[in-house]
Amino acid sequence: MSVVHTDNSKYVKRGRDLVIRHDPAWKDELREINRFKEGAPFLYADA
């Protein structure tokens, strides 16, 4: 059985430009859309 070595640098470069932003209003929006909801709550707001 042989081991294949891959060059992960292309994946590192691709992820370098990834930006994840946290919206502070997200929790407030989520709380509001779940306010009168029956059943399982929404987990993700539009924000």
Protein backbone atom coordinates (compact mmCIF):
# COMPACT_ATOMS: atom_id res chain seq x y z
CA MET A 1 0.00 0.00 0.00
CA SER A 2 1.52 3.32 -1.03
CA VAL A 3 0.98 6.69 0.61
CA VAL A 4 0.12 9.59 -1.65
CA HIS A 5 1.50 12.93 -0.54
CA THR A 6 -0.44 16.00 -1.55
CA ASP A 7 0.55 19.62 -1.63
CA ASN A 8 -1.84 21.46 0.67
CA SER A 9 -0.45 24.91 -0.13
CA LYS A 10 -3.17 25.50 -2.75
CA TYR A 11 -5.81 24.92 -0.07
CA VAL A 12 -4.04 27.22 2.37
CA LYS A 13 -3.89 29.95 -0.27
CA ARG A 14 -7.56 29.48 -1.09
CA GLY A 15 -8.58 29.84 2.56
CA ARG A 16 -6.41 32.89 3.13
CA ASP A 17 -9.03 35.15 1.53
CA LEU A 18 -11.92 33.65 3.47
CA VAL A 19 -13.48 36.22 5.76
CA ILE A 20 -16.03 35.28 8.39
CA ARG A 21 -17.85 38.23 9.87
CA HIS A 22 -19.86 38.22 13.03
CA ASP A 23 -22.96 40.40 13.01
CA PRO A 24 -23.85 41.51 16.54
CA ALA A 25 -27.48 42.00 15.49
CA TRP A 26 -27.72 38.31 14.53
CA LYS A 27 -28.81 37.14 17.99
CA ASP A 28 -31.42 39.88 18.24
CA GLU A 29 -32.82 39.02 14.83
CA LEU A 30 -32.89 35.32 15.67
CA ARG A 31 -34.67 35.99 18.94
CA GLU A 32 -37.24 38.13 17.12
CA ILE A 33 -38.05 35.61 14.37
CA ASN A 34 -38.46 32.84 16.97
CA ARG A 35 -40.59 34.96 19.28
CA PHE A 36 -44.06 33.61 18.38
CA LYS A 37 -42.92 30.53 16.47
CA GLU A 38 -44.32 27.15 17.41
CA GLY A 39 -42.23 24.02 17.03
CA ALA A 40 -38.50 23.84 16.47
CA PRO A 41 -36.79 27.23 16.53
CA PHE A 42 -34.99 28.72 13.58
CA LEU A 43 -31.24 28.33 13.99
CA TYR A 44 -30.09 30.88 11.41
CA ALA A 45 -31.30 34.41 10.88
CA ASP A 46 -31.25 36.12 7.48
CA ALA A 47 -28.35 38.23 8.68
